[in-house]
Amino acid sequence: MWPHPHIPVPLPGSIAIEDEGDRRVLLLRGDLDAAVVASFEAAQRPEPVVVDAIDAADVTFISSRGVAVMLLSVESSQAAGRSPVLRASSHVVDRILRLSGIDDVFPRPHDTQE
């Protein structure tokens, strides 16, 4: 029987929050399918995802649930008084945000500088 019930199947991607000094970064890597998102949500609950930046440079696939994680983190961050930026993204992420009509929800660092 595969997968074996006692051997965990590695996930195709990851979602993590890392501290970089006083800044919190949502790091997205690999294929962000429903299993990856479910694993992240199980580890996070019930805490909101409050970050200063999102790094999606290494995303190779993103499901609608992965996009929802990004959207919810922006919403939670703004409610906490932060202004998160999408500091890096892959062409896959750029394309899905553009096609979804939500790319303007994710300001880039160069958009916030004057």
PDB file of N, CA and C in Angstrom:
ATOM      1  N   MET A   1       0.832  -1.171   0.000  1.00  0.00           N
ATOM      2  CA  MET A   1       0.000   0.000   0.000  1.00  0.00           C
ATOM      3  C   MET A   1       0.884   1.243   0.000  1.00  0.00           C
ATOM      4  N   TRP A   2       0.709   2.088  -0.963  1.00  0.00           N
ATOM      5  CA  TRP A   2       1.496   3.325  -1.032  1.00  0.00           C
ATOM      6  C   TRP A   2       0.558   4.509  -0.962  1.00  0.00           C
ATOM      7  N   PRO A   3       0.789   5.536  -0.249  1.00  0.00           N
ATOM      8  CA  PRO A   3       1.958   5.642   0.614  1.00  0.00           C
ATOM      9  C   PRO A   3       1.801   4.781   1.851  1.00  0.00           C
ATOM     10  N   HIS A   4       2.918   4.302   2.331  1.00  0.00           N
ATOM     11  CA  HIS A   4       2.933   3.504   3.544  1.00  0.00           C
ATOM     12  C   HIS A   4       2.446   4.371   4.696  1.00  0.00           C
ATOM     13  N   PRO A   5       1.541   3.869   5.542  1.00  0.00           N
ATOM     14  CA  PRO A   5       0.958   4.705   6.600  1.00  0.00           C
ATOM     15  C   PRO A   5       1.969   5.242   7.617  1.00  0.00           C
ATOM     16  N   HIS A   6       3.144   4.628   7.725  1.00  0.00           N
ATOM     17  CA  HIS A   6       4.124   5.063   8.713  1.00  0.00           C
ATOM     18  C   HIS A   6       5.280   5.837   8.101  1.00  0.00           C
ATOM     19  N   ILE A   7       5.271   6.014   6.790  1.00  0.00           N
ATOM     20  CA  ILE A   7       6.324   6.766   6.114  1.00  0.00           C
ATOM     21  C   ILE A   7       5.678   8.005   5.492  1.00  0.00           C
ATOM     22  N   PRO A   8       6.028   9.188   6.008  1.00  0.00           N
ATOM     23  CA  PRO A   8       5.409  10.392   5.464  1.00  0.00           C
ATOM     24  C   PRO A   8       5.841  10.645   4.015  1.00  0.00           C
ATOM     25  N   VAL A   9       4.889  11.096   3.222  1.00  0.00           N
ATOM     26  CA  VAL A   9       5.174  11.447   1.835  1.00  0.00           C
ATOM     27  C   VAL A   9       5.639  12.902   1.825  1.00  0.00           C
ATOM     28  N   PRO A  10       6.785  13.168   1.225  1.00  0.00           N
ATOM     29  CA  PRO A  10       7.256  14.553   1.207  1.00  0.00           C
ATOM     30  C   PRO A  10       6.315  15.437   0.386  1.00  0.00           C
ATOM     31  N   LEU A  11       6.093  16.634   0.884  1.00  0.00           N
ATOM     32  CA  LEU A  11       5.240  17.575   0.178  1.00  0.00           C
ATOM     33  C   LEU A  11       6.016  18.212  -0.971  1.00  0.00           C
ATOM     34  N   PRO A  12       5.323  18.603  -2.042  1.00  0.00           N
ATOM     35  CA  PRO A  12       6.010  19.154  -3.215  1.00  0.00           C
ATOM     36  C   PRO A  12       6.430  20.613  -3.056  1.00  0.00           C
ATOM     37  N   GLY A  13       6.050  21.235  -1.966  1.00  0.00           N
ATOM     38  CA  GLY A  13       6.396  22.636  -1.746  1.00  0.00           C
ATOM     39  C   GLY A  13       6.337  22.954  -0.264  1.00  0.00           C
ATOM     40  N   SER A  14       6.520  24.230   0.049  1.00  0.00           N
ATOM     41  CA  SER A  14       6.477  24.623   1.456  1.00  0.00           C
ATOM     42  C   SER A  14       6.004  26.062   1.596  1.00  0.00           C
ATOM     43  N   ILE A  15       5.404  26.317   2.743  1.00  0.00           N
ATOM     44  CA  ILE A  15       5.005  27.661   3.143  1.00  0.00           C
ATOM     45  C   ILE A  15       5.512  27.827   4.559  1.00  0.00           C
ATOM     46  N   ALA A  16       6.242  28.907   4.798  1.00  0.00           N
ATOM     47  CA  ALA A  16       6.807  29.144   6.124  1.00  0.00           C
ATOM     48  C   ALA A  16       6.852  30.638   6.401  1.00  0.00           C
ATOM     49  N   ILE A  17       6.937  30.954   7.667  1.00  0.00           N
ATOM     50  CA  ILE A  17       7.141  32.340   8.080  1.00  0.00           C
ATOM     51  C   ILE A  17       8.498  32.399   8.750  1.00  0.00           C
ATOM     52  N   GLU A  18       9.338  33.314   8.266  1.00  0.00           N
ATOM     53  CA  GLU A  18      10.663  33.472   8.838  1.00  0.00           C
ATOM     54  C   GLU A  18      10.832  34.892   9.331  1.00  0.00           C
ATOM     55  N   ASP A  19      11.556  35.025  10.420  1.00  0.00           N
ATOM     56  CA  ASP A  19      11.888  36.340  10.952  1.00  0.00           C
ATOM     57  C   ASP A  19      13.224  36.773  10.373  1.00  0.00           C
ATOM     58  N   GLU A  20      13.248  37.983   9.860  1.00  0.00           N
ATOM     59  CA  GLU A  20      14.481  38.599   9.358  1.00  0.00           C
ATOM     60  C   GLU A  20      14.662  39.891  10.150  1.00  0.00           C
ATOM     61  N   GLY A  21      15.286  39.781  11.292  1.00  0.00           N
ATOM     62  CA  GLY A  21      15.380  40.931  12.184  1.00  0.00           C
ATOM     63  C   GLY A  21      13.999  41.230  12.737  1.00  0.00           C
ATOM     64  N   ASP A  22      13.535  42.455  12.547  1.00  0.00           N
ATOM     65  CA  ASP A  22      12.206  42.823  13.028  1.00  0.00           C
ATOM     66  C   ASP A  22      11.130  42.646  11.961  1.00  0.00           C
ATOM     67  N   ARG A  23      11.492  42.072  10.821  1.00  0.00           N
ATOM     68  CA  ARG A  23      10.538  41.844   9.726  1.00  0.00           C
ATOM     69  C   ARG A  23      10.179  40.365   9.645  1.00  0.00           C
ATOM     70  N   ARG A  24       8.909  40.112   9.327  1.00  0.00           N
ATOM     71  CA  ARG A  24       8.430  38.737   9.134  1.00  0.00           C
ATOM     72  C   ARG A  24       8.155  38.539   7.649  1.00  0.00           C
ATOM     73  N   VAL A  25       8.597  37.401   7.134  1.00  0.00           N
ATOM     74  CA  VAL A  25       8.468  37.116   5.710  1.00  0.00           C
ATOM     75  C   VAL A  25       7.732  35.795   5.512  1.00  0.00           C
ATOM     76  N   LEU A  26       6.726  35.832   4.639  1.00  0.00           N
ATOM     77  CA  LEU A  26       6.022  34.613   4.225  1.00  0.00           C
ATOM     78  C   LEU A  26       6.800  34.047   3.048  1.00  0.00           C
ATOM     79  N   LEU A  27       7.398  32.871   3.234  1.00  0.00           N
ATOM     80  CA  LEU A  27       8.214  32.230   2.196  1.00  0.00           C
ATOM     81  C   LEU A  27       7.423  31.107   1.541  1.00  0.00           C
ATOM     82  N   LEU A  28       7.267  31.207   0.236  1.00  0.00           N
ATOM     83  CA  LEU A  28       6.546  30.213  -0.551  1.00  0.00           C
ATOM     84  C   LEU A  28       7.543  29.544  -1.499  1.00  0.00           C
ATOM     85  N   ARG A  29       7.538  28.205  -1.529  1.00  0.00           N
ATOM     86  CA  ARG A  29       8.508  27.466  -2.342  1.00  0.00           C
ATOM     87  C   ARG A  29       7.850  26.276  -3.022  1.00  0.00           C
ATOM     88  N   GLY A  30       8.279  25.969  -4.247  1.00  0.00           N
ATOM     89  CA  GLY A  30       7.857  24.756  -4.937  1.00  0.00           C
ATOM     90  C   GLY A  30       6.420  24.783  -5.403  1.00  0.00           C
ATOM     91  N   ASP A  31       5.809  23.600  -5.424  1.00  0.00           N
ATOM     92  CA  ASP A  31       4.419  23.436  -5.846  1.00  0.00           C
ATOM     93  C   ASP A  31       3.510  23.630  -4.643  1.00  0.00           C
ATOM     94  N   LEU A  32       2.678  24.672  -4.685  1.00  0.00           N
ATOM     95  CA  LEU A  32       1.781  24.966  -3.572  1.00  0.00           C
ATOM     96  C   LEU A  32       0.399  24.417  -3.881  1.00  0.00           C
ATOM     97  N   ASP A  33       0.265  23.118  -3.652  1.00  0.00           N
ATOM     98  CA  ASP A  33      -1.015  22.451  -3.891  1.00  0.00           C
ATOM     99  C   ASP A  33      -1.830  22.431  -2.599  1.00  0.00           C
ATOM    100  N   ALA A  34      -2.973  21.796  -2.639  1.00  0.00           N
ATOM    101  CA  ALA A  34      -3.879  21.770  -1.488  1.00  0.00           C
ATOM    102  C   ALA A  34      -3.228  21.114  -0.266  1.00  0.00           C
ATOM    103  N   ALA A  35      -2.420  20.089  -0.456  1.00  0.00           N
ATOM    104  CA  ALA A  35      -1.776  19.408   0.669  1.00  0.00           C
ATOM    105  C   ALA A  35      -0.774  20.319   1.366  1.00  0.00           C
ATOM    106  N   VAL A  36      -0.022  21.091   0.603  1.00  0.00           N
ATOM    107  CA  VAL A  36       0.951  22.017   1.184  1.00  0.00           C
ATOM    108  C   VAL A  36       0.226  23.085   1.995  1.00  0.00           C
ATOM    109  N   VAL A  37      -0.839  23.637   1.417  1.00  0.00           N
ATOM    110  CA  VAL A  37      -1.610  24.665   2.112  1.00  0.00           C
ATOM    111  C   VAL A  37      -2.246  24.089   3.380  1.00  0.00           C
ATOM    112  N   ALA A  38      -2.808  22.907   3.300  1.00  0.00           N
ATOM    113  CA  ALA A  38      -3.429  22.280   4.470  1.00  0.00           C
ATOM    114  C   ALA A  38      -2.410  22.068   5.582  1.00  0.00           C
ATOM    115  N   SER A  39      -1.221  21.650   5.236  1.00  0.00           N
ATOM    116  CA  SER A  39      -0.166  21.444   6.228  1.00  0.00           C
ATOM    117  C   SER A  39       0.199  22.771   6.905  1.00  0.00           C
ATOM    118  N   PHE A  40       0.343  23.830   6.125  1.00  0.00           N
ATOM    119  CA  PHE A  40       0.653  25.146   6.675  1.00  0.00           C
ATOM    120  C   PHE A  40      -0.468  25.645   7.570  1.00  0.00           C
ATOM    121  N   GLU A  41      -1.701  25.520   7.110  1.00  0.00           N
ATOM    122  CA  GLU A  41      -2.847  25.987   7.891  1.00  0.00           C
ATOM    123  C   GLU A  41      -2.971  25.224   9.207  1.00  0.00           C
ATOM    124  N   ALA A  42      -2.705  23.937   9.190  1.00  0.00           N
ATOM    125  CA  ALA A  42      -2.773  23.141  10.416  1.00  0.00           C
ATOM    126  C   ALA A  42      -1.730  23.612  11.425  1.00  0.00           C
ATOM    127  N   ALA A  43      -0.564  23.991  10.938  1.00  0.00           N
ATOM    128  CA  ALA A  43       0.506  24.456  11.823  1.00  0.00           C
ATOM    129  C   ALA A  43       0.243  25.873  12.335  1.00  0.00           C
ATOM    130  N   GLN A  44      -0.443  26.697  11.572  1.00  0.00           N
ATOM    131  CA  GLN A  44      -0.678  28.099  11.912  1.00  0.00           C
ATOM    132  C   GLN A  44      -1.880  28.330  12.800  1.00  0.00           C
ATOM    133  N   ARG A  45      -2.883  27.531  12.683  1.00  0.00           N
ATOM    134  CA  ARG A  45      -4.148  27.820  13.361  1.00  0.00           C
ATOM    135  C   ARG A  45      -3.964  28.010  14.837  1.00  0.00           C
ATOM    136  N   PRO A  46      -4.652  28.912  15.460  1.00  0.00           N
ATOM    137  CA  PRO A  46      -5.597  29.878  14.906  1.00  0.00           C
ATOM    138  C   PRO A  46      -4.950  31.234  14.633  1.00  0.00           C
ATOM    139  N   GLU A  47      -3.641  31.282  14.593  1.00  0.00           N
ATOM    140  CA  GLU A  47      -2.921  32.542  14.433  1.00  0.00           C
ATOM    141  C   GLU A  47      -3.070  33.130  13.032  1.00  0.00           C
ATOM    142  N   PRO A  48      -3.364  34.440  12.933  1.00  0.00           N
ATOM    143  CA  PRO A  48      -3.377  35.079  11.615  1.00  0.00           C
ATOM    144  C   PRO A  48      -1.941  35.205  11.101  1.00  0.00           C
ATOM    145  N   VAL A  49      -1.786  35.226   9.799  1.00  0.00           N
ATOM    146  CA  VAL A  49      -0.470  35.341   9.185  1.00  0.00           C
ATOM    147  C   VAL A  49      -0.190  36.823   8.960  1.00  0.00           C
ATOM    148  N   VAL A  50       0.605  37.411   9.855  1.00  0.00           N
ATOM    149  CA  VAL A  50       0.959  38.828   9.777  1.00  0.00           C
ATOM    150  C   VAL A  50       2.420  38.913   9.362  1.00  0.00           C
ATOM    151  N   VAL A  51       2.658  39.540   8.199  1.00  0.00           N
ATOM    152  CA  VAL A  51       4.003  39.611   7.647  1.00  0.00           C
ATOM    153  C   VAL A  51       4.275  41.011   7.083  1.00  0.00           C
ATOM    154  N   ASP A  52       5.547  41.257   6.818  1.00  0.00           N
ATOM    155  CA  ASP A  52       5.968  42.507   6.188  1.00  0.00           C
ATOM    156  C   ASP A  52       6.284  42.301   4.714  1.00  0.00           C
ATOM    157  N   ALA A  53       6.531  41.050   4.334  1.00  0.00           N
ATOM    158  CA  ALA A  53       6.877  40.757   2.945  1.00  0.00           C
ATOM    159  C   ALA A  53       6.466  39.328   2.593  1.00  0.00           C
ATOM    160  N   ILE A  54       6.255  39.131   1.299  1.00  0.00           N
ATOM    161  CA  ILE A  54       5.982  37.797   0.754  1.00  0.00           C
ATOM    162  C   ILE A  54       7.062  37.523  -0.275  1.00  0.00           C
ATOM    163  N   ASP A  55       7.689  36.362  -0.166  1.00  0.00           N
ATOM    164  CA  ASP A  55       8.704  35.942  -1.118  1.00  0.00           C
ATOM    165  C   ASP A  55       8.199  34.691  -1.821  1.00  0.00           C
ATOM    166  N   ALA A  56       7.844  34.842  -3.085  1.00  0.00           N
ATOM    167  CA  ALA A  56       7.322  33.732  -3.880  1.00  0.00           C
ATOM    168  C   ALA A  56       8.210  33.474  -5.101  1.00  0.00           C
ATOM    169  N   ALA A  57       9.482  33.788  -4.981  1.00  0.00           N
ATOM    170  CA  ALA A  57      10.411  33.666  -6.100  1.00  0.00           C
ATOM    171  C   ALA A  57      10.586  32.229  -6.585  1.00  0.00           C
ATOM    172  N   ASP A  58      10.445  31.271  -5.675  1.00  0.00           N
ATOM    173  CA  ASP A  58      10.717  29.874  -6.030  1.00  0.00           C
ATOM    174  C   ASP A  58       9.454  29.035  -6.187  1.00  0.00           C
ATOM    175  N   VAL A  59       8.319  29.676  -6.435  1.00  0.00           N
ATOM    176  CA  VAL A  59       7.071  28.939  -6.642  1.00  0.00           C
ATOM    177  C   VAL A  59       7.018  28.430  -8.086  1.00  0.00           C
ATOM    178  N   THR A  60       6.749  27.131  -8.217  1.00  0.00           N
ATOM    179  CA  THR A  60       6.667  26.519  -9.546  1.00  0.00           C
ATOM    180  C   THR A  60       5.230  26.212  -9.956  1.00  0.00           C
ATOM    181  N   PHE A  61       4.330  26.161  -8.969  1.00  0.00           N
ATOM    182  CA  PHE A  61       2.895  25.966  -9.194  1.00  0.00           C
ATOM    183  C   PHE A  61       2.179  26.557  -7.993  1.00  0.00           C
ATOM    184  N   ILE A  62       1.033  27.202  -8.237  1.00  0.00           N
ATOM    185  CA  ILE A  62       0.253  27.720  -7.117  1.00  0.00           C
ATOM    186  C   ILE A  62      -1.226  27.488  -7.389  1.00  0.00           C
ATOM    187  N   SER A  63      -1.866  26.801  -6.454  1.00  0.00           N
ATOM    188  CA  SER A  63      -3.296  26.524  -6.566  1.00  0.00           C
ATOM    189  C   SER A  63      -4.078  27.731  -6.059  1.00  0.00           C
ATOM    190  N   SER A  64      -5.380  27.675  -6.228  1.00  0.00           N
ATOM    191  CA  SER A  64      -6.219  28.763  -5.713  1.00  0.00           C
ATOM    192  C   SER A  64      -6.086  28.869  -4.198  1.00  0.00           C
ATOM    193  N   ARG A  65      -5.877  27.764  -3.530  1.00  0.00           N
ATOM    194  CA  ARG A  65      -5.688  27.794  -2.072  1.00  0.00           C
ATOM    195  C   ARG A  65      -4.367  28.467  -1.712  1.00  0.00           C
ATOM    196  N   GLY A  66      -3.365  28.316  -2.550  1.00  0.00           N
ATOM    197  CA  GLY A  66      -2.095  29.010  -2.327  1.00  0.00           C
ATOM    198  C   GLY A  66      -2.250  30.509  -2.483  1.00  0.00           C
ATOM    199  N   VAL A  67      -2.999  30.916  -3.499  1.00  0.00           N
ATOM    200  CA  VAL A  67      -3.282  32.342  -3.701  1.00  0.00           C
ATOM    201  C   VAL A  67      -4.075  32.874  -2.510  1.00  0.00           C
ATOM    202  N   ALA A  68      -4.994  32.074  -1.994  1.00  0.00           N
ATOM    203  CA  ALA A  68      -5.785  32.488  -0.832  1.00  0.00           C
ATOM    204  C   ALA A  68      -4.893  32.744   0.380  1.00  0.00           C
ATOM    205  N   VAL A  69      -3.865  31.939   0.572  1.00  0.00           N
ATOM    206  CA  VAL A  69      -2.924  32.165   1.676  1.00  0.00           C
ATOM    207  C   VAL A  69      -2.273  33.533   1.518  1.00  0.00           C
ATOM    208  N   MET A  70      -1.876  33.856   0.300  1.00  0.00           N
ATOM    209  CA  MET A  70      -1.269  35.163   0.046  1.00  0.00           C
ATOM    210  C   MET A  70      -2.251  36.291   0.353  1.00  0.00           C
ATOM    211  N   LEU A  71      -3.471  36.164  -0.155  1.00  0.00           N
ATOM    212  CA  LEU A  71      -4.490  37.193   0.062  1.00  0.00           C
ATOM    213  C   LEU A  71      -4.813  37.373   1.535  1.00  0.00           C
ATOM    214  N   LEU A  72      -5.002  36.269   2.244  1.00  0.00           N
ATOM    215  CA  LEU A  72      -5.326  36.346   3.666  1.00  0.00           C
ATOM    216  C   LEU A  72      -4.182  36.944   4.483  1.00  0.00           C
ATOM    217  N   SER A  73      -2.944  36.672   4.070  1.00  0.00           N
ATOM    218  CA  SER A  73      -1.817  37.248   4.796  1.00  0.00           C
ATOM    219  C   SER A  73      -1.750  38.757   4.595  1.00  0.00           C
ATOM    220  N   VAL A  74      -2.072  39.227   3.399  1.00  0.00           N
ATOM    221  CA  VAL A  74      -2.111  40.672   3.162  1.00  0.00           C
ATOM    222  C   VAL A  74      -3.211  41.300   4.011  1.00  0.00           C
ATOM    223  N   GLU A  75      -4.380  40.672   4.020  1.00  0.00           N
ATOM    224  CA  GLU A  75      -5.508  41.192   4.797  1.00  0.00           C
ATOM    225  C   GLU A  75      -5.173  41.242   6.291  1.00  0.00           C
ATOM    226  N   SER A  76      -4.633  40.168   6.833  1.00  0.00           N
ATOM    227  CA  SER A  76      -4.275  40.115   8.254  1.00  0.00           C
ATOM    228  C   SER A  76      -3.180  41.120   8.588  1.00  0.00           C
ATOM    229  N   SER A  77      -2.222  41.251   7.695  1.00  0.00           N
ATOM    230  CA  SER A  77      -1.105  42.175   7.922  1.00  0.00           C
ATOM    231  C   SER A  77      -1.592  43.615   7.937  1.00  0.00           C
ATOM    232  N   GLN A  78      -2.444  43.967   6.986  1.00  0.00           N
ATOM    233  CA  GLN A  78      -2.977  45.326   6.942  1.00  0.00           C
ATOM    234  C   GLN A  78      -3.826  45.618   8.171  1.00  0.00           C
ATOM    235  N   ALA A  79      -4.597  44.640   8.630  1.00  0.00           N
ATOM    236  CA  ALA A  79      -5.408  44.815   9.840  1.00  0.00           C
ATOM    237  C   ALA A  79      -4.530  45.038  11.069  1.00  0.00           C
ATOM    238  N   ALA A  80      -3.310  44.506  11.031  1.00  0.00           N
ATOM    239  CA  ALA A  80      -2.367  44.670  12.138  1.00  0.00           C
ATOM    240  C   ALA A  80      -1.507  45.925  11.976  1.00  0.00           C
ATOM    241  N   GLY A  81      -1.799  46.726  10.937  1.00  0.00           N
ATOM    242  CA  GLY A  81      -1.075  47.973  10.732  1.00  0.00           C
ATOM    243  C   GLY A  81       0.201  47.855   9.936  1.00  0.00           C
ATOM    244  N   ARG A  82       0.379  46.751   9.262  1.00  0.00           N
ATOM    245  CA  ARG A  82       1.574  46.567   8.428  1.00  0.00           C
ATOM    246  C   ARG A  82       1.209  46.729   6.964  1.00  0.00           C
ATOM    247  N   SER A  83       2.213  47.001   6.139  1.00  0.00           N
ATOM    248  CA  SER A  83       2.014  47.168   4.697  1.00  0.00           C
ATOM    249  C   SER A  83       2.890  46.162   3.951  1.00  0.00           C
ATOM    250  N   PRO A  84       2.429  44.926   3.836  1.00  0.00           N
ATOM    251  CA  PRO A  84       3.268  43.889   3.219  1.00  0.00           C
ATOM    252  C   PRO A  84       3.495  44.139   1.732  1.00  0.00           C
ATOM    253  N   VAL A  85       4.686  43.753   1.270  1.00  0.00           N
ATOM    254  CA  VAL A  85       5.032  43.853  -0.146  1.00  0.00           C
ATOM    255  C   VAL A  85       5.351  42.471  -0.683  1.00  0.00           C
ATOM    256  N   LEU A  86       5.139  42.305  -1.958  1.00  0.00           N
ATOM    257  CA  LEU A  86       5.563  41.086  -2.661  1.00  0.00           C
ATOM    258  C   LEU A  86       6.977  41.373  -3.146  1.00  0.00           C
ATOM    259  N   ARG A  87       7.952  40.949  -2.348  1.00  0.00           N
ATOM    260  CA  ARG A  87       9.336  41.336  -2.646  1.00  0.00           C
ATOM    261  C   ARG A  87       9.958  40.536  -3.776  1.00  0.00           C
ATOM    262  N   ALA A  88       9.407  39.355  -4.037  1.00  0.00           N
ATOM    263  CA  ALA A  88       9.910  38.534  -5.138  1.00  0.00           C
ATOM    264  C   ALA A  88       8.826  37.545  -5.532  1.00  0.00           C
ATOM    265  N   SER A  89       8.748  37.272  -6.833  1.00  0.00           N
ATOM    266  CA  SER A  89       7.770  36.291  -7.304  1.00  0.00           C
ATOM    267  C   SER A  89       8.257  35.648  -8.598  1.00  0.00           C
ATOM    268  N   SER A  90       7.834  34.428  -8.795  1.00  0.00           N
ATOM    269  CA  SER A  90       8.168  33.712 -10.016  1.00  0.00           C
ATOM    270  C   SER A  90       7.206  34.126 -11.125  1.00  0.00           C
ATOM    271  N   HIS A  91       7.531  33.756 -12.346  1.00  0.00           N
ATOM    272  CA  HIS A  91       6.627  34.076 -13.463  1.00  0.00           C
ATOM    273  C   HIS A  91       5.284  33.370 -13.297  1.00  0.00           C
ATOM    274  N   VAL A  92       5.278  32.217 -12.636  1.00  0.00           N
ATOM    275  CA  VAL A  92       4.033  31.480 -12.380  1.00  0.00           C
ATOM    276  C   VAL A  92       3.111  32.313 -11.491  1.00  0.00           C
ATOM    277  N   VAL A  93       3.654  32.874 -10.432  1.00  0.00           N
ATOM    278  CA  VAL A  93       2.864  33.696  -9.517  1.00  0.00           C
ATOM    279  C   VAL A  93       2.422  34.979 -10.212  1.00  0.00           C
ATOM    280  N   ASP A  94       3.345  35.623 -10.903  1.00  0.00           N
ATOM    281  CA  ASP A  94       2.991  36.854 -11.619  1.00  0.00           C
ATOM    282  C   ASP A  94       1.831  36.620 -12.579  1.00  0.00           C
ATOM    283  N   ARG A  95       1.894  35.521 -13.289  1.00  0.00           N
ATOM    284  CA  ARG A  95       0.864  35.214 -14.290  1.00  0.00           C
ATOM    285  C   ARG A  95      -0.498  34.972 -13.638  1.00  0.00           C
ATOM    286  N   ILE A  96      -0.546  34.178 -12.577  1.00  0.00           N
ATOM    287  CA  ILE A  96      -1.831  33.871 -11.948  1.00  0.00           C
ATOM    288  C   ILE A  96      -2.427  35.108 -11.284  1.00  0.00           C
ATOM    289  N   LEU A  97      -1.587  35.958 -10.700  1.00  0.00           N
ATOM    290  CA  LEU A  97      -2.103  37.193 -10.101  1.00  0.00           C
ATOM    291  C   LEU A  97      -2.656  38.125 -11.173  1.00  0.00           C
ATOM    292  N   ARG A  98      -1.951  38.211 -12.291  1.00  0.00           N
ATOM    293  CA  ARG A  98      -2.402  39.061 -13.401  1.00  0.00           C
ATOM    294  C   ARG A  98      -3.700  38.528 -14.002  1.00  0.00           C
ATOM    295  N   LEU A  99      -3.765  37.218 -14.267  1.00  0.00           N
ATOM    296  CA  LEU A  99      -4.961  36.621 -14.858  1.00  0.00           C
ATOM    297  C   LEU A  99      -6.159  36.694 -13.912  1.00  0.00           C
ATOM    298  N   SER A 100      -5.902  36.677 -12.613  1.00  0.00           N
ATOM    299  CA  SER A 100      -6.971  36.762 -11.631  1.00  0.00           C
ATOM    300  C   SER A 100      -7.424  38.202 -11.390  1.00  0.00           C
ATOM    301  N   GLY A 101      -6.658  39.144 -11.921  1.00  0.00           N
ATOM    302  CA  GLY A 101      -6.991  40.549 -11.741  1.00  0.00           C
ATOM    303  C   GLY A 101      -6.701  41.070 -10.346  1.00  0.00           C
ATOM    304  N   ILE A 102      -5.788  40.421  -9.630  1.00  0.00           N
ATOM    305  CA  ILE A 102      -5.493  40.830  -8.258  1.00  0.00           C
ATOM    306  C   ILE A 102      -4.032  41.231  -8.060  1.00  0.00           C
ATOM    307  N   ASP A 103      -3.297  41.430  -9.133  1.00  0.00           N
ATOM    308  CA  ASP A 103      -1.881  41.770  -8.989  1.00  0.00           C
ATOM    309  C   ASP A 103      -1.676  43.091  -8.249  1.00  0.00           C
ATOM    310  N   ASP A 104      -2.647  44.006  -8.325  1.00  0.00           N
ATOM    311  CA  ASP A 104      -2.502  45.288  -7.634  1.00  0.00           C
ATOM    312  C   ASP A 104      -2.698  45.167  -6.118  1.00  0.00           C
ATOM    313  N   VAL A 105      -3.157  44.018  -5.642  1.00  0.00           N
ATOM    314  CA  VAL A 105      -3.300  43.781  -4.199  1.00  0.00           C
ATOM    315  C   VAL A 105      -1.930  43.576  -3.554  1.00  0.00           C
ATOM    316  N   PHE A 106      -0.946  43.224  -4.370  1.00  0.00           N
ATOM    317  CA  PHE A 106       0.383  42.878  -3.885  1.00  0.00           C
ATOM    318  C   PHE A 106       1.416  43.898  -4.372  1.00  0.00           C
ATOM    319  N   PRO A 107       1.584  45.013  -3.639  1.00  0.00           N
ATOM    320  CA  PRO A 107       2.567  46.003  -4.075  1.00  0.00           C
ATOM    321  C   PRO A 107       3.974  45.426  -4.048  1.00  0.00           C
ATOM    322  N   ARG A 108       4.770  45.868  -4.991  1.00  0.00           N
ATOM    323  CA  ARG A 108       6.184  45.461  -5.064  1.00  0.00           C
ATOM    324  C   ARG A 108       7.004  46.506  -4.320  1.00  0.00           C
ATOM    325  N   PRO A 109       8.206  46.143  -3.842  1.00  0.00           N
ATOM    326  CA  PRO A 109       9.034  47.124  -3.118  1.00  0.00           C
ATOM    327  C   PRO A 109       9.252  48.410  -3.912  1.00  0.00           C
ATOM    328  N   HIS A 110       9.466  48.309  -5.225  1.00  0.00           N
ATOM    329  CA  HIS A 110       9.699  49.510  -6.026  1.00  0.00           C
ATOM    330  C   HIS A 110       8.442  50.368  -6.149  1.00  0.00           C
ATOM    331  N   ASP A 111       7.255  49.764  -5.921  1.00  0.00           N
ATOM    332  CA  ASP A 111       5.986  50.515  -5.958  1.00  0.00           C
ATOM    333  C   ASP A 111       5.822  51.381  -4.708  1.00  0.00           C
ATOM    334  N   THR A 112       6.449  50.986  -3.607  1.00  0.00           N
ATOM    335  CA  THR A 112       6.243  51.680  -2.345  1.00  0.00           C
ATOM    336  C   THR A 112       7.312  52.725  -2.062  1.00  0.00           C
ATOM    337  N   GLN A 113       8.354  52.781  -2.889  1.00  0.00           N
ATOM    338  CA  GLN A 113       9.415  53.773  -2.694  1.00  0.00           C
ATOM    339  C   GLN A 113       9.050  55.055  -3.431  1.00  0.00           C
ATOM    340  N   GLU A 114       9.456  56.177  -2.840  1.00  0.00           N
ATOM    341  CA  GLU A 114       9.176  57.448  -3.498  1.00  0.00           C
ATOM    342  C   GLU A 114      10.452  58.145  -3.852  1.00  0.00           C
TER     343      GLU A 114
END
